[in-house]
Protein backbone atom coordinates (compact mmCIF):
# COMPACT_ATOMS: atom_id res chain seq x y z
CA UNK A 1 0.00 0.00 0.00
CA UNK A 2 1.38 3.49 -0.78
CA UNK A 3 2.45 5.71 2.09
CA UNK A 4 -0.35 7.96 3.36
CA UNK A 5 0.09 11.67 2.74
CA UNK A 6 1.57 13.52 5.71
CA UNK A 7 0.53 10.67 7.99
CA UNK A 8 0.91 11.31 11.70
CA UNK A 9 2.31 8.52 13.88
CA UNK A 10 -0.59 6.34 15.04
CA UNK A 11 -1.91 7.38 18.43
CA UNK A 12 -1.87 4.89 21.25
CA UNK A 13 -4.87 2.55 21.08
CA UNK A 14 -5.71 3.78 17.57
CA UNK A 15 -8.55 1.85 15.91
CA UNK A 16 -7.24 -1.12 13.98
CA UNK A 17 -9.62 -1.12 11.00
CA UNK A 18 -10.44 -3.94 8.61
CA UNK A 19 -11.89 -2.84 5.31
CA UNK A 20 -14.03 -5.35 3.42
CA UNK A 21 -13.88 -4.61 -0.30
CA UNK A 22 -12.61 -6.08 -3.56
CA UNK A 23 -9.16 -4.54 -3.31
CA UNK A 24 -7.42 -7.28 -5.27
CA UNK A 25 -9.90 -7.46 -8.12
CA UNK A 26 -8.11 -7.59 -11.48
CA UNK A 27 -9.88 -4.27 -12.16
CA UNK A 28 -7.26 -2.02 -10.55
CA UNK A 29 -9.81 0.72 -10.01
CA UNK A 30 -11.05 -1.32 -7.05
CA UNK A 31 -7.55 -1.46 -5.60
CA UNK A 32 -7.12 2.26 -6.20
CA UNK A 33 -10.09 3.26 -4.07
CA UNK A 34 -9.21 0.68 -1.41
CA UNK A 35 -5.64 1.92 -1.06
CA UNK A 36 -6.85 5.51 -0.92
CA UNK A 37 -9.30 4.72 1.88
CA UNK A 38 -6.69 2.77 3.82
CA UNK A 39 -4.19 5.62 3.54
CA UNK A 40 -6.74 8.29 4.49
CA UNK A 41 -7.87 6.37 7.60
CA UNK A 42 -4.27 5.94 8.75
CA UNK A 43 -3.70 9.64 8.17
CA UNK A 44 -6.74 10.36 10.37
CA UNK A 45 -5.20 8.31 13.19
CA UNK A 46 -6.11 4.69 12.57
CA UNK A 47 -3.55 2.05 13.48
CA UNK A 48 -0.82 1.48 10.91
CA UNK A 49 -1.98 -2.15 10.68
CA UNK A 50 -5.27 -1.03 9.12
CA UNK A 51 -5.77 -3.00 5.91
CA UNK A 52 -8.29 -4.53 3.53
CA UNK A 53 -9.77 -8.01 3.53
CA UNK A 54 -10.68 -8.96 -0.03
CA UNK A 55 -14.25 -10.21 -0.28
CA UNK A 56 -13.24 -12.84 -2.85
CA UNK A 57 -10.41 -14.07 -0.57
CA UNK A 58 -7.69 -12.81 -2.91
CA UNK A 59 -4.40 -11.82 -1.28
CA UNK A 60 -2.55 -9.82 -3.95
CA UNK A 61 -2.80 -8.12 -7.31
CA UNK A 62 -2.95 -10.41 -10.32
CA UNK A 63 -4.23 -10.50 -13.88
CA UNK A 64 -7.35 -12.42 -12.84
CA UNK A 65 -8.67 -15.94 -13.13
CA UNK A 66 -8.79 -17.67 -16.47
CA UNK A 67 -12.26 -18.29 -17.82
CA UNK A 68 -13.87 -15.20 -16.28
CA UNK A 69 -15.12 -13.99 -19.68
CA UNK A 70 -16.70 -17.38 -20.38
CA UNK A 71 -18.44 -17.37 -16.98
CA UNK A 72 -19.94 -13.95 -17.67
CA UNK A 73 -21.16 -15.09 -21.08
CA UNK A 74 -22.74 -18.22 -19.61
CA UNK A 75 -24.54 -16.22 -16.93
CA UNK A 76 -25.83 -13.77 -19.52
CA UNK A 77 -27.17 -16.65 -21.61
CA UNK A 78 -29.12 -18.31 -18.78
CA UNK A 79 -32.89 -17.73 -18.67
CA UNK A 80 -33.99 -15.40 -15.89
CA UNK A 81 -35.78 -18.11 -13.88
CA UNK A 82 -32.81 -20.51 -13.97
CA UNK A 83 -29.98 -18.04 -13.35
CA UNK A 84 -30.60 -17.52 -9.58
CA UNK A 85 -30.80 -21.27 -9.00
CA UNK A 86 -27.58 -21.91 -10.94
CA UNK A 87 -25.51 -19.67 -8.69
CA UNK A 88 -26.84 -20.75 -5.29
CA UNK A 89 -24.74 -23.90 -4.79
CA UNK A 90 -21.41 -22.42 -6.01
CA UNK A 91 -21.93 -19.39 -3.74
CA UNK A 92 -22.74 -21.58 -0.73
CA UNK A 93 -19.65 -23.73 -1.29
CA UNK A 94 -17.37 -20.71 -1.71
CA UNK A 95 -18.82 -19.10 1.40
CA UNK A 96 -18.13 -22.18 3.50
CA UNK A 97 -14.76 -23.20 2.11
CA UNK A 98 -13.12 -19.90 1.19
CA UNK A 99 -14.81 -16.61 1.99
CA UNK A 100 -15.97 -17.31 5.55
CA UNK A 101 -12.60 -18.60 6.81
CA UNK A 102 -10.82 -15.74 5.02
CA UNK A 103 -12.99 -13.15 6.74
CA UNK A 104 -12.57 -14.75 10.15
CA UNK A 105 -8.78 -14.78 9.77
CA UNK A 106 -8.75 -11.22 8.43
CA UNK A 107 -10.62 -9.86 11.44
CA UNK A 108 -7.95 -11.04 13.89
CA UNK A 109 -6.74 -8.06 15.90
CA UNK A 110 -9.37 -5.68 14.47
CA UNK A 111 -11.32 -3.22 16.58
CA UNK A 112 -13.89 -2.35 13.89
CA UNK A 113 -14.81 -3.12 10.28
CA UNK A 114 -15.62 -0.92 7.30
CA UNK A 115 -17.38 -2.09 4.15
CA UNK A 116 -16.11 0.18 1.40
CA UNK A 117 -15.94 1.33 -1.19
CA UNK A 118 -17.05 0.46 -4.70
CA UNK A 119 -20.43 -0.59 -6.04
CA UNK A 120 -20.70 -3.32 -3.40
CA UNK A 121 -24.36 -2.88 -2.52
CA UNK A 122 -25.60 -4.57 -5.65
CA UNK A 123 -27.27 -7.90 -6.31
CA UNK A 124 -25.68 -9.39 -9.40
CA UNK A 125 -26.30 -13.13 -9.11
CA UNK A 126 -26.31 -12.90 -5.26
CA UNK A 127 -22.56 -12.33 -5.27
CA UNK A 128 -22.24 -9.29 -3.01
CA UNK A 129 -25.29 -9.97 -0.83
CA UNK A 130 -23.74 -13.33 0.09
CA UNK A 131 -20.31 -11.86 0.80
CA UNK A 132 -21.48 -8.76 2.67
CA UNK A 133 -23.83 -10.77 4.87
CA UNK A 134 -20.96 -13.12 5.76
CA UNK A 135 -18.67 -10.19 6.60
CA UNK A 136 -21.27 -8.45 8.77
CA UNK A 137 -22.15 -11.65 10.65
CA UNK A 138 -18.44 -12.43 11.20
CA UNK A 139 -17.91 -8.94 12.63
CA UNK A 140 -21.05 -9.14 14.77
CA UNK A 141 -19.89 -12.41 16.34
CA UNK A 142 -16.74 -10.61 17.50
CA UNK A 143 -18.71 -7.62 18.78
CA UNK A 144 -17.08 -5.30 16.25
CA UNK A 145 -18.91 -2.18 15.05
CA UNK A 146 -19.32 -2.08 11.27
CA UNK A 147 -19.51 0.96 9.00
CA UNK A 148 -20.44 1.18 5.33
CA UNK A 149 -18.41 3.83 3.51
CA UNK A 150 -18.07 5.26 0.01
CA UNK A 151 -20.17 2.53 -1.60
CA UNK A 152 -22.60 2.70 -4.47
CA UNK A 153 -26.03 1.07 -4.27
CA UNK A 154 -27.85 -0.48 -7.22
CA UNK A 155 -31.53 -1.28 -7.60
CA UNK A 156 -33.00 -4.56 -8.84
CA UNK A 157 -32.31 -6.78 -5.82
CA UNK A 158 -33.70 -10.30 -5.68
CA UNK A 159 -35.85 -11.49 -2.79
CA UNK A 160 -33.02 -13.74 -1.62
CA UNK A 161 -30.46 -10.91 -1.81
CA UNK A 162 -32.71 -8.62 0.22
CA UNK A 163 -33.31 -11.33 2.81
CA UNK A 164 -29.56 -11.87 3.26
CA UNK A 165 -28.90 -8.17 3.79
CA UNK A 166 -31.88 -7.61 6.09
CA UNK A 167 -30.79 -10.54 8.24
CA UNK A 168 -27.25 -9.14 8.49
CA UNK A 169 -28.43 -5.61 9.29
CA UNK A 170 -30.76 -7.00 11.95
CA UNK A 171 -27.68 -7.94 14.01
CA UNK A 172 -27.27 -4.24 14.81
CA UNK A 173 -23.56 -4.41 14.00
CA UNK A 174 -23.76 -1.72 11.30
CA UNK A 175 -23.57 1.64 13.10
CA UNK A 176 -23.42 4.20 10.29
CA UNK A 177 -23.69 4.36 6.51
CA UNK A 178 -21.92 6.77 4.14
CA UNK A 179 -22.63 6.48 0.41
CA UNK A 180 -21.01 8.05 -2.62
CA UNK A 181 -23.95 9.58 -4.55
CA UNK A 182 -27.49 10.80 -4.04
CA UNK A 183 -29.01 8.03 -6.14
CA UNK A 184 -27.35 5.42 -3.92
CA UNK A 185 -28.61 7.18 -0.79
CA UNK A 186 -32.18 7.12 -2.13
CA UNK A 187 -32.05 3.42 -3.05
CA UNK A 188 -30.47 2.53 0.29
CA UNK A 189 -33.18 4.38 2.19
CA UNK A 190 -35.92 2.58 0.26
CA UNK A 191 -34.40 -0.89 0.53
CA UNK A 192 -32.69 -0.86 3.92
CA UNK A 193 -32.32 2.48 5.69
CA UNK A 194 -35.92 3.09 6.72
CA UNK A 195 -36.44 -0.44 8.03
CA UNK A 196 -33.24 -0.56 10.09
CA UNK A 197 -33.00 3.08 11.21
CA UNK A 198 -29.79 3.60 9.23
CA UNK A 199 -30.02 6.76 7.11
CA UNK A 200 -27.12 7.27 4.73
CA UNK A 201 -24.84 10.32 4.72
CA UNK A 202 -23.48 11.54 1.38
CA UNK A 203 -19.69 11.46 0.91
CA UNK A 204 -17.22 11.58 -1.97
CA UNK A 205 -15.66 8.48 -3.48
CA UNK A 206 -12.32 7.81 -1.71
CA UNK A 207 -10.66 7.24 -5.10
CA UNK A 208 -10.68 11.03 -5.50
CA UNK A 209 -7.70 11.07 -3.13
CA UNK A 210 -5.53 9.38 -5.78
CA UNK A 211 -3.56 12.53 -6.59
CA UNK A 212 -2.65 12.97 -2.91
CA UNK A 213 -1.97 9.33 -2.06
CA UNK A 214 0.15 8.47 -5.11
CA UNK A 215 1.60 11.88 -6.04
CA UNK A 216 2.05 10.95 -9.72
CA UNK A 217 4.05 13.04 -12.16
CA UNK A 218 1.98 15.39 -14.32
CA UNK A 219 1.70 15.07 -18.09
CA UNK A 220 4.36 16.71 -20.25
CA UNK A 221 3.76 18.84 -23.32
CA UNK A 222 3.91 15.88 -25.72
CA UNK A 223 1.69 13.62 -23.60
CA UNK A 224 -0.55 11.09 -25.36
CA UNK A 225 -4.33 10.97 -25.29
CA UNK A 226 -5.60 7.89 -23.48
CA UNK A 227 -8.24 5.39 -24.54
CA UNK A 228 -9.16 3.16 -21.60
CA UNK A 229 -10.52 0.01 -23.23
CA UNK A 230 -13.44 -1.91 -21.66
CA UNK A 231 -14.86 -5.12 -23.08
CA UNK A 232 -18.39 -5.46 -24.39
CA UNK A 233 -18.84 -8.42 -22.01
CA UNK A 234 -18.41 -6.14 -19.00
CA UNK A 235 -20.75 -3.52 -20.43
CA UNK A 236 -23.44 -6.08 -21.27
CA UNK A 237 -23.27 -7.59 -17.77
CA UNK A 238 -24.04 -4.24 -16.11
CA UNK A 239 -25.66 -1.95 -18.70
CA UNK A 240 -29.13 -2.04 -20.23
CA UNK A 241 -28.07 -0.45 -23.52
CA UNK A 242 -24.72 -1.96 -24.47
CA UNK A 243 -23.39 -1.89 -28.05
CA UNK A 244 -22.69 -5.20 -29.80
CA UNK A 245 -19.10 -6.49 -29.65
CA UNK A 246 -18.54 -5.58 -33.32
CA UNK A 247 -20.07 -2.12 -32.89
CA UNK A 248 -17.91 -1.39 -29.84
CA UNK A 249 -14.70 -2.51 -31.58
CA UNK A 250 -15.54 -0.34 -34.59
CA UNK A 251 -16.23 2.59 -32.28
CA UNK A 252 -12.84 2.28 -30.58
CA UNK A 253 -11.09 2.16 -33.95
CA UNK A 254 -13.00 5.21 -35.20
CA UNK A 255 -12.06 7.13 -32.05
CA UNK A 256 -8.39 6.21 -32.42
CA UNK A 257 -8.41 7.10 -36.12
CA UNK A 258 -10.01 10.49 -35.47
CA UNK A 259 -7.59 11.35 -32.66
CA UNK A 260 -4.59 10.39 -34.80
CA UNK A 261 -5.96 12.52 -37.65
CA UNK A 262 -6.07 15.45 -35.22
CA UNK A 263 -2.33 15.00 -34.60
CA UNK A 264 -2.48 13.34 -31.19
CA UNK A 265 -0.36 10.44 -30.02
CA UNK A 266 -2.27 7.66 -28.25
CA UNK A 267 -2.01 5.42 -25.21
CA UNK A 268 -4.42 2.48 -25.23
CA UNK A 269 -4.64 0.64 -21.90
CA UNK A 270 -7.04 -1.10 -19.52
CA UNK A 271 -7.79 -1.12 -15.81
CA UNK A 272 -6.59 -4.73 -15.81
CA UNK A 273 -9.66 -6.96 -16.02
CA UNK A 274 -8.88 -10.02 -18.17
CA UNK A 275 -11.82 -9.48 -20.52
CA UNK A 276 -10.67 -5.88 -21.09
CA UNK A 277 -7.11 -7.00 -21.84
CA UNK A 278 -8.43 -9.58 -24.30
CA UNK A 279 -10.44 -6.88 -26.08
CA UNK A 280 -7.43 -4.59 -26.32
CA UNK A 281 -5.21 -7.39 -27.65
CA UNK A 282 -7.77 -8.11 -30.39
CA UNK A 283 -7.92 -4.41 -31.30
CA UNK A 284 -4.15 -3.92 -31.69
CA UNK A 285 -3.85 -5.14 -35.32
CA UNK A 286 -6.68 -2.82 -36.38
CA UNK A 287 -5.10 0.11 -34.51
CA UNK A 288 -1.72 -0.67 -36.10
CA UNK A 289 -3.35 -0.59 -39.54
CA UNK A 290 -4.25 3.06 -38.95
CA UNK A 291 -0.59 3.92 -39.46
CA UNK A 292 0.12 5.72 -36.21
CA UNK A 293 3.42 3.91 -35.78
CA UNK A 294 5.40 5.20 -32.80
CA UNK A 295 2.59 7.59 -31.94
CA UNK A 296 0.65 4.67 -30.47
CA UNK A 297 1.67 2.98 -27.21
CA UNK A 298 0.14 0.30 -24.98
CA UNK A 299 1.14 0.87 -21.35
CA UNK A 300 0.22 -1.80 -18.81
CA UNK A 301 -0.37 -1.36 -15.08
CA UNK A 302 0.35 -4.06 -12.53
CA UNK A 303 -1.02 -2.23 -9.50
CA UNK A 304 -3.06 0.89 -8.70
CA UNK A 305 -0.03 3.17 -8.40
CA UNK A 306 1.02 2.27 -11.95
CA UNK A 307 -2.54 2.81 -13.20
CA UNK A 308 -2.65 6.29 -11.67
CA UNK A 309 0.79 7.08 -13.12
CA UNK A 310 -0.46 6.16 -16.61
CA UNK A 311 -3.57 8.31 -16.26
CA UNK A 312 -1.76 11.29 -14.73
CA UNK A 313 0.65 11.22 -17.67
CA UNK A 314 -2.09 11.74 -20.26
CA UNK A 315 -3.19 14.87 -22.04
CA UNK A 316 -6.79 13.63 -21.99
CA UNK A 317 -8.74 10.41 -21.42
CA UNK A 318 -11.78 8.62 -22.85
CA UNK A 319 -13.03 5.82 -20.58
CA UNK A 320 -16.00 3.72 -19.49
CA UNK A 321 -14.42 2.62 -16.20
CA UNK A 322 -15.49 4.96 -13.41
CA UNK A 323 -12.28 4.88 -11.41
CA UNK A 324 -10.22 5.70 -14.47
CA UNK A 325 -12.40 8.83 -14.75
CA UNK A 326 -12.13 9.50 -11.01
CA UNK A 327 -8.33 9.23 -11.12
CA UNK A 328 -8.25 11.55 -14.14
CA UNK A 329 -10.33 14.18 -12.36
CA UNK A 330 -8.23 13.89 -9.20
CA UNK A 331 -5.05 14.41 -11.24
CA UNK A 332 -6.49 17.26 -13.32
CA UNK A 333 -6.60 15.28 -16.59
CA UNK A 334 -9.47 16.30 -18.93
CA UNK A 335 -11.76 13.37 -19.69
CA UNK A 336 -14.66 12.10 -21.73
CA UNK A 337 -16.80 9.67 -19.73
CA UNK A 338 -18.36 6.99 -21.92
CA UNK A 339 -21.81 6.52 -20.41
CA UNK A 340 -22.92 2.96 -19.64
CA UNK A 341 -23.98 2.80 -16.00
CA UNK A 342 -25.91 5.21 -13.73
CA UNK A 343 -22.99 5.32 -11.28
CA UNK A 344 -20.74 6.95 -13.88
CA UNK A 345 -23.30 9.60 -14.75
CA UNK A 346 -23.86 10.26 -11.04
CA UNK A 347 -20.15 10.85 -10.46
CA UNK A 348 -19.58 13.08 -13.49
CA UNK A 349 -22.57 15.24 -12.66
CA UNK A 350 -21.57 15.44 -8.98
CA UNK A 351 -18.28 17.12 -9.91
CA UNK A 352 -19.89 19.56 -12.35
CA UNK A 353 -18.67 17.78 -15.48
CA UNK A 354 -22.00 16.58 -16.88
CA UNK A 355 -21.13 17.89 -20.33
CA UNK A 356 -18.24 15.39 -20.43
CA UNK A 357 -20.57 12.41 -20.99
CA UNK A 358 -20.70 10.58 -24.33
CA UNK A 359 -23.09 7.76 -25.23
CA UNK A 360 -21.40 5.25 -27.55
CA UNK A 361 -24.71 3.93 -28.90
CA UNK A 362 -25.74 7.35 -30.24
CA UNK A 363 -22.48 9.27 -30.76
CA UNK A 364 -19.74 8.16 -33.13
CA UNK A 365 -16.05 7.71 -32.44
CA UNK A 366 -15.46 10.82 -34.55
CA UNK A 367 -17.97 12.72 -32.42
CA UNK A 368 -16.17 11.57 -29.29
CA UNK A 369 -12.80 12.74 -30.62
CA UNK A 370 -14.27 16.20 -31.06
CA UNK A 371 -15.79 16.22 -27.58
CA UNK A 372 -12.55 15.04 -25.99
CA UNK A 373 -10.54 17.64 -27.93
CA UNK A 374 -12.82 20.36 -26.58
CA UNK A 375 -12.43 18.99 -23.05
CA UNK A 376 -8.64 19.13 -23.41
CA UNK A 377 -8.83 22.73 -24.62
CA UNK A 378 -10.96 23.74 -21.64
CA UNK A 379 -9.14 21.69 -19.01
CA UNK A 380 -10.30 20.75 -15.51
CA UNK A 381 -11.07 23.77 -13.28
CA UNK A 382 -8.40 23.73 -10.56
CA UNK A 383 -10.58 25.28 -7.86
CA UNK A 384 -13.40 22.75 -8.39
CA UNK A 385 -10.95 19.85 -8.41
CA UNK A 386 -9.26 20.99 -5.20
CA UNK A 387 -12.62 21.48 -3.50
CA UNK A 388 -13.84 17.99 -4.44
CA UNK A 389 -10.60 16.32 -3.30
CA UNK A 390 -10.84 18.20 -0.01
CA UNK A 391 -14.42 16.98 0.40
CA UNK A 392 -13.25 13.40 -0.15
CA UNK A 393 -10.70 13.84 2.62
CA UNK A 394 -13.30 15.38 4.94
CA UNK A 395 -15.64 12.46 4.32
CA UNK A 396 -13.07 9.99 5.61
CA UNK A 397 -12.71 12.27 8.62
CA UNK A 398 -16.45 11.86 9.25
CA UNK A 399 -16.06 8.09 9.10
CA UNK A 400 -13.16 8.17 11.53
CA UNK A 401 -15.18 10.32 13.91
CA UNK A 402 -18.02 7.79 13.82
CA UNK A 403 -15.54 4.98 14.50
CA UNK A 404 -14.12 6.85 17.50
CA UNK A 405 -17.62 7.49 18.85
CA UNK A 406 -18.64 3.84 18.51
CA UNK A 407 -15.48 2.65 20.27
CA UNK A 408 -15.61 5.23 23.07
């Protein structure tokens, strides 16, 4: 984990926090926000041993499990009535053999637990409801107060997913909830908050602290324009209006061609998910055929610090992945957010950049090149960026205050 910014030595009896999240997901955006939250809590005064417990029982950064793309395709192909039944047994086995023991071991020495951040309060095939319920119950058995911080909340929960979460919240272990956007707060209140007396406070995504936690070098005068490639499989799994695989590939190529024609050099990269890397690998021959030569590069990140360094070194960025956009904003890099999920729209609008949204299904790659060029000309307002980053820091301070109060 990177060193926290201006971290004070931990006070005696500082809270030793365990953060439940998906830190070691192959999507390095998840690790980025997790490392930022860890660092900010330690800066506030948490024990230096504060660290994350990965909800999938991973223990380090990697390129991801083989076959993930196939699993997503299979799930997408299952009829709606069969899909919930198909996942129940694998989830139960993983909970008993892997996740549960991992959580129990991870809580050793902890004085409290935090669930955060990321879009964890979502019911996609019962994945997160199963894991979060396990984590809350494991914490409750130890008498540890639990806090939910910086998460997004999605609608469309199944009856089983709701039952798992209601049962976990009924333990009373969760003491306070802080969510990253107004839409999430509203959904939380409807699904859980009103019933359990847990209203949600609004905070900024902890990933906005990337510029302070990692201190990356700024882009030089000849910096490339970045295209952060996301696979159609990922978009189709989460979005209601995803382009076809062929249409998305053609769109990426048209964007690259238009940016090269405008005289820009390019950096095509991913956040690390295996399906995204496969998509980028398949695109490379078509990008090479555009004739950009040495003006086209393909940087790869092995951890969140390297991902932030790539993004900070860009002149501008076009991306679907929310934490690529968040890192760009934090580092003052102009961006074009490729709309696909309500959480991305919520973030972009929350930082006053709503005009930086582009919908791939209705706007061409050439259109996007023009929009991104205009964003680069206008830049990111420094005062707005500094204010938002400061608000992200203050939000973690609120969390730490709630932790202190619960442990008093």
